[in-house]
PDB file of N, CA and C in Angstrom:
ATOM      1  N   MET A   1      14.122   7.511 -13.429  1.00  0.00           N
ATOM      2  CA  MET A   1      14.376   7.097 -14.793  1.00  0.00           C
ATOM      3  C   MET A   1      13.697   5.752 -15.051  1.00  0.00           C
ATOM      4  N   ARG A   2      13.001   5.655 -16.137  1.00  0.00           N
ATOM      5  CA  ARG A   2      12.302   4.429 -16.501  1.00  0.00           C
ATOM      6  C   ARG A   2      13.170   3.560 -17.409  1.00  0.00           C
ATOM      7  N   ALA A   3      13.073   2.246 -17.203  1.00  0.00           N
ATOM      8  CA  ALA A   3      13.768   1.291 -18.053  1.00  0.00           C
ATOM      9  C   ALA A   3      12.740   0.564 -18.910  1.00  0.00           C
ATOM     10  N   SER A   4      12.981   0.519 -20.211  1.00  0.00           N
ATOM     11  CA  SER A   4      12.080  -0.202 -21.121  1.00  0.00           C
ATOM     12  C   SER A   4      12.407  -1.690 -21.038  1.00  0.00           C
ATOM     13  N   LEU A   5      11.748  -2.368 -20.102  1.00  0.00           N
ATOM     14  CA  LEU A   5      11.992  -3.795 -19.876  1.00  0.00           C
ATOM     15  C   LEU A   5      10.691  -4.568 -19.995  1.00  0.00           C
ATOM     16  N   SER A   6      10.766  -5.724 -20.616  1.00  0.00           N
ATOM     17  CA  SER A   6       9.618  -6.617 -20.728  1.00  0.00           C
ATOM     18  C   SER A   6       9.790  -7.733 -19.701  1.00  0.00           C
ATOM     19  N   LEU A   7       9.250  -7.511 -18.503  1.00  0.00           N
ATOM     20  CA  LEU A   7       9.358  -8.476 -17.404  1.00  0.00           C
ATOM     21  C   LEU A   7       7.994  -9.111 -17.159  1.00  0.00           C
ATOM     22  N   ALA A   8       7.994 -10.363 -16.725  1.00  0.00           N
ATOM     23  CA  ALA A   8       6.731 -11.034 -16.393  1.00  0.00           C
ATOM     24  C   ALA A   8       6.087 -10.348 -15.200  1.00  0.00           C
ATOM     25  N   LEU A   9       4.786 -10.071 -15.304  1.00  0.00           N
ATOM     26  CA  LEU A   9       4.042  -9.375 -14.262  1.00  0.00           C
ATOM     27  C   LEU A   9       2.710 -10.080 -14.062  1.00  0.00           C
ATOM     28  N   ARG A  10       2.303 -10.209 -12.811  1.00  0.00           N
ATOM     29  CA  ARG A  10       0.978 -10.752 -12.480  1.00  0.00           C
ATOM     30  C   ARG A  10       0.244  -9.750 -11.608  1.00  0.00           C
ATOM     31  N   VAL A  11      -1.029  -9.560 -11.898  1.00  0.00           N
ATOM     32  CA  VAL A  11      -1.891  -8.748 -11.051  1.00  0.00           C
ATOM     33  C   VAL A  11      -2.598  -9.734 -10.123  1.00  0.00           C
ATOM     34  N   ASN A  12      -2.152  -9.831  -8.872  1.00  0.00           N
ATOM     35  CA  ASN A  12      -2.706 -10.810  -7.935  1.00  0.00           C
ATOM     36  C   ASN A  12      -3.991 -10.333  -7.270  1.00  0.00           C
ATOM     37  N   ARG A  13      -4.106  -9.027  -7.038  1.00  0.00           N
ATOM     38  CA  ARG A  13      -5.306  -8.468  -6.406  1.00  0.00           C
ATOM     39  C   ARG A  13      -5.663  -7.145  -7.071  1.00  0.00           C
ATOM     40  N   ILE A  14      -6.967  -6.933  -7.222  1.00  0.00           N
ATOM     41  CA  ILE A  14      -7.498  -5.653  -7.684  1.00  0.00           C
ATOM     42  C   ILE A  14      -8.510  -5.219  -6.638  1.00  0.00           C
ATOM     43  N   ALA A  15      -8.289  -4.045  -6.049  1.00  0.00           N
ATOM     44  CA  ALA A  15      -9.166  -3.503  -4.994  1.00  0.00           C
ATOM     45  C   ALA A  15      -9.377  -4.525  -3.877  1.00  0.00           C
ATOM     46  N   GLY A  16      -8.307  -5.232  -3.511  1.00  0.00           N
ATOM     47  CA  GLY A  16      -8.360  -6.194  -2.415  1.00  0.00           C
ATOM     48  C   GLY A  16      -8.911  -7.556  -2.786  1.00  0.00           C
ATOM     49  N   GLN A  17      -9.451  -7.716  -3.994  1.00  0.00           N
ATOM     50  CA  GLN A  17     -10.023  -8.995  -4.427  1.00  0.00           C
ATOM     51  C   GLN A  17      -8.961  -9.822  -5.140  1.00  0.00           C
ATOM     52  N   ARG A  18      -8.707 -11.026  -4.610  1.00  0.00           N
ATOM     53  CA  ARG A  18      -7.715 -11.919  -5.216  1.00  0.00           C
ATOM     54  C   ARG A  18      -8.199 -12.399  -6.573  1.00  0.00           C
ATOM     55  N   ARG A  19      -7.304 -12.360  -7.543  1.00  0.00           N
ATOM     56  CA  ARG A  19      -7.586 -12.894  -8.878  1.00  0.00           C
ATOM     57  C   ARG A  19      -7.494 -14.411  -8.788  1.00  0.00           C
ATOM     58  N   THR A  20      -8.503 -15.131  -9.260  1.00  0.00           N
ATOM     59  CA  THR A  20      -8.501 -16.582  -9.141  1.00  0.00           C
ATOM     60  C   THR A  20      -7.425 -17.221 -10.006  1.00  0.00           C
ATOM     61  N   ARG A  21      -7.230 -16.702 -11.178  1.00  0.00           N
ATOM     62  CA  ARG A  21      -6.186 -17.219 -12.068  1.00  0.00           C
ATOM     63  C   ARG A  21      -5.454 -16.039 -12.686  1.00  0.00           C
ATOM     64  N   PRO A  22      -4.480 -15.484 -11.955  1.00  0.00           N
ATOM     65  CA  PRO A  22      -3.785 -14.331 -12.518  1.00  0.00           C
ATOM     66  C   PRO A  22      -3.063 -14.695 -13.809  1.00  0.00           C
ATOM     67  N   ARG A  23      -3.261 -13.888 -14.805  1.00  0.00           N
ATOM     68  CA  ARG A  23      -2.645 -14.081 -16.105  1.00  0.00           C
ATOM     69  C   ARG A  23      -1.262 -13.426 -16.087  1.00  0.00           C
ATOM     70  N   THR A  24      -0.290 -14.053 -16.726  1.00  0.00           N
ATOM     71  CA  THR A  24       1.028 -13.454 -16.801  1.00  0.00           C
ATOM     72  C   THR A  24       1.026 -12.407 -17.908  1.00  0.00           C
ATOM     73  N   LEU A  25       1.312 -11.180 -17.524  1.00  0.00           N
ATOM     74  CA  LEU A  25       1.387 -10.060 -18.450  1.00  0.00           C
ATOM     75  C   LEU A  25       2.849  -9.646 -18.577  1.00  0.00           C
ATOM     76  N   LYS A  26       3.131  -8.594 -19.305  1.00  0.00           N
ATOM     77  CA  LYS A  26       4.498  -8.095 -19.468  1.00  0.00           C
ATOM     78  C   LYS A  26       4.550  -6.606 -19.173  1.00  0.00           C
ATOM     79  N   THR A  27       5.620  -6.185 -18.514  1.00  0.00           N
ATOM     80  CA  THR A  27       5.820  -4.760 -18.298  1.00  0.00           C
ATOM     81  C   THR A  27       6.243  -4.131 -19.625  1.00  0.00           C
ATOM     82  N   THR A  28       5.873  -2.868 -19.799  1.00  0.00           N
ATOM     83  CA  THR A  28       6.356  -2.082 -20.931  1.00  0.00           C
ATOM     84  C   THR A  28       7.580  -1.299 -20.486  1.00  0.00           C
ATOM     85  N   ASN A  29       7.459  -0.698 -19.287  1.00  0.00           N
ATOM     86  CA  ASN A  29       8.606  -0.056 -18.659  1.00  0.00           C
ATOM     87  C   ASN A  29       8.394  -0.071 -17.156  1.00  0.00           C
ATOM     88  N   ILE A  30       9.499   0.127 -16.437  1.00  0.00           N
ATOM     89  CA  ILE A  30       9.469   0.039 -14.982  1.00  0.00           C
ATOM     90  C   ILE A  30      10.531   0.980 -14.412  1.00  0.00           C
ATOM     91  N   SER A  31      10.269   1.501 -13.219  1.00  0.00           N
ATOM     92  CA  SER A  31      11.247   2.333 -12.519  1.00  0.00           C
ATOM     93  C   SER A  31      11.178   1.971 -11.042  1.00  0.00           C
ATOM     94  N   SER A  32      11.933   2.660 -10.234  1.00  0.00           N
ATOM     95  CA  SER A  32      11.907   2.392  -8.797  1.00  0.00           C
ATOM     96  C   SER A  32      10.602   2.860  -8.160  1.00  0.00           C
ATOM     97  N   SER A  33       9.831   3.673  -8.876  1.00  0.00           N
ATOM     98  CA  SER A  33       8.591   4.199  -8.293  1.00  0.00           C
ATOM     99  C   SER A  33       7.317   3.680  -8.936  1.00  0.00           C
ATOM    100  N   GLY A  34       7.420   2.980 -10.079  1.00  0.00           N
ATOM    101  CA  GLY A  34       6.194   2.511 -10.704  1.00  0.00           C
ATOM    102  C   GLY A  34       6.433   1.652 -11.928  1.00  0.00           C
ATOM    103  N   VAL A  35       5.306   1.250 -12.544  1.00  0.00           N
ATOM    104  CA  VAL A  35       5.355   0.337 -13.680  1.00  0.00           C
ATOM    105  C   VAL A  35       4.252   0.711 -14.673  1.00  0.00           C
ATOM    106  N   TYR A  36       4.492   0.373 -15.936  1.00  0.00           N
ATOM    107  CA  TYR A  36       3.531   0.602 -17.015  1.00  0.00           C
ATOM    108  C   TYR A  36       3.374  -0.728 -17.731  1.00  0.00           C
ATOM    109  N   PHE A  37       2.135  -1.195 -17.897  1.00  0.00           N
ATOM    110  CA  PHE A  37       1.914  -2.502 -18.506  1.00  0.00           C
ATOM    111  C   PHE A  37       0.563  -2.541 -19.220  1.00  0.00           C
ATOM    112  N   LEU A  38       0.421  -3.474 -20.152  1.00  0.00           N
ATOM    113  CA  LEU A  38      -0.844  -3.688 -20.845  1.00  0.00           C
ATOM    114  C   LEU A  38      -1.659  -4.708 -20.081  1.00  0.00           C
ATOM    115  N   CYS A  39      -2.968  -4.465 -20.008  1.00  0.00           N
ATOM    116  CA  CYS A  39      -3.848  -5.298 -19.193  1.00  0.00           C
ATOM    117  C   CYS A  39      -5.173  -5.520 -19.926  1.00  0.00           C
ATOM    118  N   PRO A  40      -5.749  -6.731 -19.850  1.00  0.00           N
ATOM    119  CA  PRO A  40      -7.018  -6.993 -20.519  1.00  0.00           C
ATOM    120  C   PRO A  40      -8.238  -6.512 -19.725  1.00  0.00           C
ATOM    121  N   HIS A  41      -8.012  -5.737 -18.654  1.00  0.00           N
ATOM    122  CA  HIS A  41      -9.105  -5.217 -17.829  1.00  0.00           C
ATOM    123  C   HIS A  41      -8.964  -3.709 -17.692  1.00  0.00           C
ATOM    124  N   TYR A  42     -10.080  -3.018 -17.665  1.00  0.00           N
ATOM    125  CA  TYR A  42     -10.058  -1.599 -17.330  1.00  0.00           C
ATOM    126  C   TYR A  42     -10.028  -1.509 -15.811  1.00  0.00           C
ATOM    127  N   ILE A  43      -9.068  -0.784 -15.277  1.00  0.00           N
ATOM    128  CA  ILE A  43      -8.951  -0.607 -13.831  1.00  0.00           C
ATOM    129  C   ILE A  43      -9.002   0.890 -13.560  1.00  0.00           C
ATOM    130  N   GLU A  44      -9.959   1.293 -12.783  1.00  0.00           N
ATOM    131  CA  GLU A  44     -10.183   2.711 -12.485  1.00  0.00           C
ATOM    132  C   GLU A  44      -8.958   3.331 -11.802  1.00  0.00           C
ATOM    133  N   PRO A  45      -8.527   4.533 -12.230  1.00  0.00           N
ATOM    134  CA  PRO A  45      -7.447   5.214 -11.521  1.00  0.00           C
ATOM    135  C   PRO A  45      -7.770   5.345 -10.027  1.00  0.00           C
ATOM    136  N   GLY A  46      -6.749   5.156  -9.205  1.00  0.00           N
ATOM    137  CA  GLY A  46      -6.908   5.181  -7.752  1.00  0.00           C
ATOM    138  C   GLY A  46      -7.114   3.804  -7.149  1.00  0.00           C
ATOM    139  N   THR A  47      -7.420   2.814  -7.968  1.00  0.00           N
ATOM    140  CA  THR A  47      -7.668   1.452  -7.486  1.00  0.00           C
ATOM    141  C   THR A  47      -6.380   0.819  -6.962  1.00  0.00           C
ATOM    142  N   PRO A  48      -6.423   0.236  -5.749  1.00  0.00           N
ATOM    143  CA  PRO A  48      -5.236  -0.453  -5.230  1.00  0.00           C
ATOM    144  C   PRO A  48      -5.048  -1.803  -5.923  1.00  0.00           C
ATOM    145  N   LEU A  49      -3.777  -2.169  -6.097  1.00  0.00           N
ATOM    146  CA  LEU A  49      -3.396  -3.424  -6.737  1.00  0.00           C
ATOM    147  C   LEU A  49      -2.342  -4.132  -5.903  1.00  0.00           C
ATOM    148  N   GLU A  50      -2.248  -5.437  -6.088  1.00  0.00           N
ATOM    149  CA  GLU A  50      -1.081  -6.179  -5.628  1.00  0.00           C
ATOM    150  C   GLU A  50      -0.461  -6.794  -6.875  1.00  0.00           C
ATOM    151  N   LEU A  51       0.780  -6.420  -7.149  1.00  0.00           N
ATOM    152  CA  LEU A  51       1.483  -6.876  -8.344  1.00  0.00           C
ATOM    153  C   LEU A  51       2.662  -7.753  -7.963  1.00  0.00           C
ATOM    154  N   GLU A  52       2.999  -8.675  -8.849  1.00  0.00           N
ATOM    155  CA  GLU A  52       4.199  -9.500  -8.692  1.00  0.00           C
ATOM    156  C   GLU A  52       4.991  -9.383  -9.985  1.00  0.00           C
ATOM    157  N   VAL A  53       6.231  -8.942  -9.877  1.00  0.00           N
ATOM    158  CA  VAL A  53       7.093  -8.771 -11.046  1.00  0.00           C
ATOM    159  C   VAL A  53       8.285  -9.709 -10.910  1.00  0.00           C
ATOM    160  N   SER A  54       8.544 -10.480 -11.946  1.00  0.00           N
ATOM    161  CA  SER A  54       9.685 -11.394 -11.952  1.00  0.00           C
ATOM    162  C   SER A  54      10.907 -10.626 -12.461  1.00  0.00           C
ATOM    163  N   LEU A  55      11.818 -10.287 -11.547  1.00  0.00           N
ATOM    164  CA  LEU A  55      13.001  -9.504 -11.904  1.00  0.00           C
ATOM    165  C   LEU A  55      14.115 -10.367 -12.483  1.00  0.00           C
ATOM    166  N   VAL A  56      14.309 -11.560 -11.905  1.00  0.00           N
ATOM    167  CA  VAL A  56      15.305 -12.517 -12.392  1.00  0.00           C
ATOM    168  C   VAL A  56      14.605 -13.864 -12.485  1.00  0.00           C
ATOM    169  N   ASN A  57      14.675 -14.486 -13.648  1.00  0.00           N
ATOM    170  CA  ASN A  57      14.006 -15.771 -13.862  1.00  0.00           C
ATOM    171  C   ASN A  57      15.043 -16.753 -14.383  1.00  0.00           C
ATOM    172  N   ARG A  58      15.467 -17.660 -13.532  1.00  0.00           N
ATOM    173  CA  ARG A  58      16.528 -18.607 -13.887  1.00  0.00           C
ATOM    174  C   ARG A  58      15.946 -20.004 -14.108  1.00  0.00           C
ATOM    175  N   PRO A  59      16.640 -20.818 -14.889  1.00  0.00           N
ATOM    176  CA  PRO A  59      16.190 -22.195 -15.095  1.00  0.00           C
ATOM    177  C   PRO A  59      16.089 -22.940 -13.767  1.00  0.00           C
ATOM    178  N   LEU A  60      15.095 -23.771 -13.645  1.00  0.00           N
ATOM    179  CA  LEU A  60      14.845 -24.600 -12.469  1.00  0.00           C
ATOM    180  C   LEU A  60      14.509 -23.783 -11.225  1.00  0.00           C
ATOM    181  N   GLY A  61      14.275 -22.477 -11.380  1.00  0.00           N
ATOM    182  CA  GLY A  61      13.854 -21.648 -10.260  1.00  0.00           C
ATOM    183  C   GLY A  61      14.927 -21.306  -9.261  1.00  0.00           C
ATOM    184  N   GLN A  62      16.160 -21.687  -9.508  1.00  0.00           N
ATOM    185  CA  GLN A  62      17.230 -21.428  -8.552  1.00  0.00           C
ATOM    186  C   GLN A  62      17.837 -20.059  -8.810  1.00  0.00           C
ATOM    187  N   GLY A  63      17.687 -19.160  -7.833  1.00  0.00           N
ATOM    188  CA  GLY A  63      18.213 -17.817  -7.973  1.00  0.00           C
ATOM    189  C   GLY A  63      17.205 -16.809  -8.513  1.00  0.00           C
ATOM    190  N   ASN A  64      15.927 -17.212  -8.616  1.00  0.00           N
ATOM    191  CA  ASN A  64      14.890 -16.277  -9.067  1.00  0.00           C
ATOM    192  C   ASN A  64      14.721 -15.143  -8.069  1.00  0.00           C
ATOM    193  N   VAL A  65      14.367 -13.964  -8.580  1.00  0.00           N
ATOM    194  CA  VAL A  65      14.060 -12.821  -7.727  1.00  0.00           C
ATOM    195  C   VAL A  65      12.728 -12.251  -8.176  1.00  0.00           C
ATOM    196  N   LYS A  66      11.777 -12.178  -7.236  1.00  0.00           N
ATOM    197  CA  LYS A  66      10.454 -11.614  -7.513  1.00  0.00           C
ATOM    198  C   LYS A  66      10.219 -10.419  -6.610  1.00  0.00           C
ATOM    199  N   MET A  67       9.541  -9.439  -7.155  1.00  0.00           N
ATOM    200  CA  MET A  67       9.148  -8.273  -6.388  1.00  0.00           C
ATOM    201  C   MET A  67       7.625  -8.305  -6.265  1.00  0.00           C
ATOM    202  N   THR A  68       7.137  -8.262  -5.039  1.00  0.00           N
ATOM    203  CA  THR A  68       5.708  -8.139  -4.799  1.00  0.00           C
ATOM    204  C   THR A  68       5.481  -6.737  -4.272  1.00  0.00           C
ATOM    205  N   THR A  69       4.494  -6.056  -4.811  1.00  0.00           N
ATOM    206  CA  THR A  69       4.283  -4.674  -4.429  1.00  0.00           C
ATOM    207  C   THR A  69       2.807  -4.337  -4.298  1.00  0.00           C
ATOM    208  N   ASP A  70       2.503  -3.581  -3.264  1.00  0.00           N
ATOM    209  CA  ASP A  70       1.208  -2.932  -3.187  1.00  0.00           C
ATOM    210  C   ASP A  70       1.368  -1.673  -4.027  1.00  0.00           C
ATOM    211  N   ALA A  71       0.403  -1.400  -4.871  1.00  0.00           N
ATOM    212  CA  ALA A  71       0.492  -0.271  -5.787  1.00  0.00           C
ATOM    213  C   ALA A  71      -0.897   0.313  -5.965  1.00  0.00           C
ATOM    214  N   HIS A  72      -0.981   1.389  -6.723  1.00  0.00           N
ATOM    215  CA  HIS A  72      -2.292   1.895  -7.113  1.00  0.00           C
ATOM    216  C   HIS A  72      -2.195   2.510  -8.506  1.00  0.00           C
ATOM    217  N   VAL A  73      -3.289   2.419  -9.228  1.00  0.00           N
ATOM    218  CA  VAL A  73      -3.355   2.898 -10.599  1.00  0.00           C
ATOM    219  C   VAL A  73      -3.381   4.420 -10.595  1.00  0.00           C
ATOM    220  N   VAL A  74      -2.513   5.019 -11.403  1.00  0.00           N
ATOM    221  CA  VAL A  74      -2.501   6.479 -11.514  1.00  0.00           C
ATOM    222  C   VAL A  74      -3.049   6.956 -12.859  1.00  0.00           C
ATOM    223  N   ARG A  75      -3.007   6.065 -13.876  1.00  0.00           N
ATOM    224  CA  ARG A  75      -3.481   6.470 -15.197  1.00  0.00           C
ATOM    225  C   ARG A  75      -3.815   5.242 -16.035  1.00  0.00           C
ATOM    226  N   ILE A  76      -4.830   5.387 -16.884  1.00  0.00           N
ATOM    227  CA  ILE A  76      -5.180   4.361 -17.868  1.00  0.00           C
ATOM    228  C   ILE A  76      -5.099   5.017 -19.241  1.00  0.00           C
ATOM    229  N   ASP A  77      -4.396   4.364 -20.167  1.00  0.00           N
ATOM    230  CA  ASP A  77      -4.293   4.879 -21.532  1.00  0.00           C
ATOM    231  C   ASP A  77      -4.949   3.899 -22.499  1.00  0.00           C
ATOM    232  N   SER A  78      -5.454   4.419 -23.599  1.00  0.00           N
ATOM    233  CA  SER A  78      -6.014   3.583 -24.657  1.00  0.00           C
ATOM    234  C   SER A  78      -4.880   2.988 -25.478  1.00  0.00           C
ATOM    235  N   VAL A  79      -5.112   1.789 -25.977  1.00  0.00           N
ATOM    236  CA  VAL A  79      -4.152   1.134 -26.868  1.00  0.00           C
ATOM    237  C   VAL A  79      -4.915   0.589 -28.067  1.00  0.00           C
ATOM    238  N   PRO A  80      -4.235   0.361 -29.185  1.00  0.00           N
ATOM    239  CA  PRO A  80      -4.930  -0.122 -30.387  1.00  0.00           C
ATOM    240  C   PRO A  80      -5.536  -1.524 -30.252  1.00  0.00           C
ATOM    241  N   ARG A  81      -5.049  -2.320 -29.332  1.00  0.00           N
ATOM    242  CA  ARG A  81      -5.528  -3.704 -29.166  1.00  0.00           C
ATOM    243  C   ARG A  81      -6.906  -3.694 -28.505  1.00  0.00           C
ATOM    244  N   PRO A  82      -7.949  -4.169 -29.183  1.00  0.00           N
ATOM    245  CA  PRO A  82      -9.311  -4.138 -28.626  1.00  0.00           C
ATOM    246  C   PRO A  82      -9.411  -4.884 -27.291  1.00  0.00           C
ATOM    247  N   GLY A  83     -10.060  -4.249 -26.306  1.00  0.00           N
ATOM    248  CA  GLY A  83     -10.278  -4.857 -25.001  1.00  0.00           C
ATOM    249  C   GLY A  83      -9.112  -4.708 -24.037  1.00  0.00           C
ATOM    250  N   TRP A  84      -8.018  -4.141 -24.476  1.00  0.00           N
ATOM    251  CA  TRP A  84      -6.839  -3.977 -23.633  1.00  0.00           C
ATOM    252  C   TRP A  84      -6.651  -2.510 -23.275  1.00  0.00           C
ATOM    253  N   HIS A  85      -5.922  -2.286 -22.178  1.00  0.00           N
ATOM    254  CA  HIS A  85      -5.660  -0.940 -21.684  1.00  0.00           C
ATOM    255  C   HIS A  85      -4.216  -0.890 -21.188  1.00  0.00           C
ATOM    256  N   ALA A  86      -3.609   0.289 -21.285  1.00  0.00           N
ATOM    257  CA  ALA A  86      -2.280   0.496 -20.718  1.00  0.00           C
ATOM    258  C   ALA A  86      -2.469   1.083 -19.323  1.00  0.00           C
ATOM    259  N   VAL A  87      -1.830   0.454 -18.339  1.00  0.00           N
ATOM    260  CA  VAL A  87      -1.997   0.837 -16.944  1.00  0.00           C
ATOM    261  C   VAL A  87      -0.680   1.414 -16.421  1.00  0.00           C
ATOM    262  N   ALA A  88      -0.767   2.599 -15.837  1.00  0.00           N
ATOM    263  CA  ALA A  88       0.373   3.184 -15.127  1.00  0.00           C
ATOM    264  C   ALA A  88       0.062   3.070 -13.640  1.00  0.00           C
ATOM    265  N   ALA A  89       0.946   2.421 -12.898  1.00  0.00           N
ATOM    266  CA  ALA A  89       0.731   2.235 -11.462  1.00  0.00           C
ATOM    267  C   ALA A  89       1.972   2.680 -10.708  1.00  0.00           C
ATOM    268  N   THR A  90       1.756   3.230  -9.541  1.00  0.00           N
ATOM    269  CA  THR A  90       2.868   3.639  -8.681  1.00  0.00           C
ATOM    270  C   THR A  90       2.966   2.673  -7.507  1.00  0.00           C
ATOM    271  N   PHE A  91       4.195   2.387  -7.084  1.00  0.00           N
ATOM    272  CA  PHE A  91       4.436   1.454  -6.000  1.00  0.00           C
ATOM    273  C   PHE A  91       4.218   2.149  -4.652  1.00  0.00           C
ATOM    274  N   ASP A  92       3.510   1.460  -3.749  1.00  0.00           N
ATOM    275  CA  ASP A  92       3.296   1.954  -2.393  1.00  0.00           C
ATOM    276  C   ASP A  92       4.192   1.238  -1.390  1.00  0.00           C
ATOM    277  N   ASP A  93       4.394  -0.057  -1.591  1.00  0.00           N
ATOM    278  CA  ASP A  93       5.188  -0.879  -0.682  1.00  0.00           C
ATOM    279  C   ASP A  93       5.805  -1.997  -1.511  1.00  0.00           C
ATOM    280  N   ILE A  94       7.092  -2.231  -1.361  1.00  0.00           N
ATOM    281  CA  ILE A  94       7.791  -3.235  -2.173  1.00  0.00           C
ATOM    282  C   ILE A  94       8.429  -4.274  -1.269  1.00  0.00           C
ATOM    283  N   ARG A  95       8.255  -5.562  -1.662  1.00  0.00           N
ATOM    284  CA  ARG A  95       8.888  -6.679  -0.963  1.00  0.00           C
ATOM    285  C   ARG A  95       9.597  -7.541  -2.006  1.00  0.00           C
ATOM    286  N   PHE A  96      10.755  -8.063  -1.659  1.00  0.00           N
ATOM    287  CA  PHE A  96      11.510  -8.911  -2.579  1.00  0.00           C
ATOM    288  C   PHE A  96      11.567 -10.331  -2.041  1.00  0.00           C
ATOM    289  N   GLN A  97      11.476 -11.282  -2.958  1.00  0.00           N
ATOM    290  CA  GLN A  97      11.611 -12.706  -2.639  1.00  0.00           C
ATOM    291  C   GLN A  97      12.739 -13.248  -3.485  1.00  0.00           C
ATOM    292  N   ARG A  98      13.687 -13.869  -2.842  1.00  0.00           N
ATOM    293  CA  ARG A  98      14.789 -14.463  -3.584  1.00  0.00           C
ATOM    294  C   ARG A  98      14.847 -15.938  -3.279  1.00  0.00           C
ATOM    295  N   GLU A  99      14.819 -16.750  -4.325  1.00  0.00           N
ATOM    296  CA  GLU A  99      14.935 -18.190  -4.162  1.00  0.00           C
ATOM    297  C   GLU A  99      16.414 -18.534  -4.285  1.00  0.00           C
ATOM    298  N   GLU A 100      16.979 -18.916  -3.170  1.00  0.00           N
ATOM    299  CA  GLU A 100      18.409 -19.217  -3.141  1.00  0.00           C
ATOM    300  C   GLU A 100      18.699 -20.500  -3.907  1.00  0.00           C
ATOM    301  N   PRO A 101      19.845 -20.536  -4.587  1.00  0.00           N
ATOM    302  CA  PRO A 101      20.249 -21.783  -5.243  1.00  0.00           C
ATOM    303  C   PRO A 101      20.439 -22.880  -4.208  1.00  0.00           C
ATOM    304  N   VAL A 102      20.149 -24.092  -4.598  1.00  0.00           N
ATOM    305  CA  VAL A 102      20.352 -25.231  -3.713  1.00  0.00           C
ATOM    306  C   VAL A 102      21.848 -25.454  -3.566  1.00  0.00           C
ATOM    307  N   ARG A 103      22.299 -25.490  -2.325  1.00  0.00           N
ATOM    308  CA  ARG A 103      23.714 -25.713  -2.062  1.00  0.00           C
ATOM    309  C   ARG A 103      23.920 -27.141  -1.606  1.00  0.00           C
ATOM    310  N   THR A 104      24.980 -27.713  -2.100  1.00  0.00           N
ATOM    311  CA  THR A 104      25.310 -29.068  -1.657  1.00  0.00           C
ATOM    312  C   THR A 104      26.276 -28.976  -0.492  1.00  0.00           C
ATOM    313  N   ILE A 105      26.077 -29.807   0.459  1.00  0.00           N
ATOM    314  CA  ILE A 105      26.938 -29.848   1.647  1.00  0.00           C
ATOM    315  C   ILE A 105      27.884 -31.028   1.491  1.00  0.00           C
ATOM    316  N   PRO A 106      29.173 -30.754   1.556  1.00  0.00           N
ATOM    317  CA  PRO A 106      30.133 -31.870   1.394  1.00  0.00           C
ATOM    318  C   PRO A 106      29.972 -32.868   2.546  1.00  0.00           C
ATOM    319  N   GLN A 107      30.065 -34.106   2.193  1.00  0.00           N
ATOM    320  CA  GLN A 107      29.975 -35.150   3.209  1.00  0.00           C
ATOM    321  C   GLN A 107      31.312 -35.342   3.888  1.00  0.00           C
ATOM    322  N   VAL A 108      31.263 -35.477   5.196  1.00  0.00           N
ATOM    323  CA  VAL A 108      32.483 -35.741   5.955  1.00  0.00           C
ATOM    324  C   VAL A 108      32.548 -37.235   6.196  1.00  0.00           C
ATOM    325  N   LEU A 109      33.676 -37.824   5.842  1.00  0.00           N
ATOM    326  CA  LEU A 109      33.841 -39.272   6.013  1.00  0.00           C
ATOM    327  C   LEU A 109      34.609 -39.607   7.250  1.00  0.00           C
TER     328      LEU A 109
END
């Protein structure tokens, strides 16, 4: 089942090549098996990607949860916005990063 969520997404690698300045994009929808997003680049179906999706974004970065995934493009769709494309990608491997809140340790006197 897909969820219509607008989450921050970065394409860090395309076909193994690191993006020098990954642009923050937004998901259109996401599921446990893949993601659909708009992209200013045409990416050939079958191309491997490394994506980073911000699942939880909290103030000051405490408690953020990011998902980094190896994926590959399964479909490209046309969109009305000139120069942009809708990308459907399936997840191959998923890793989660959680930034724990800073905990204060009580001082013993």
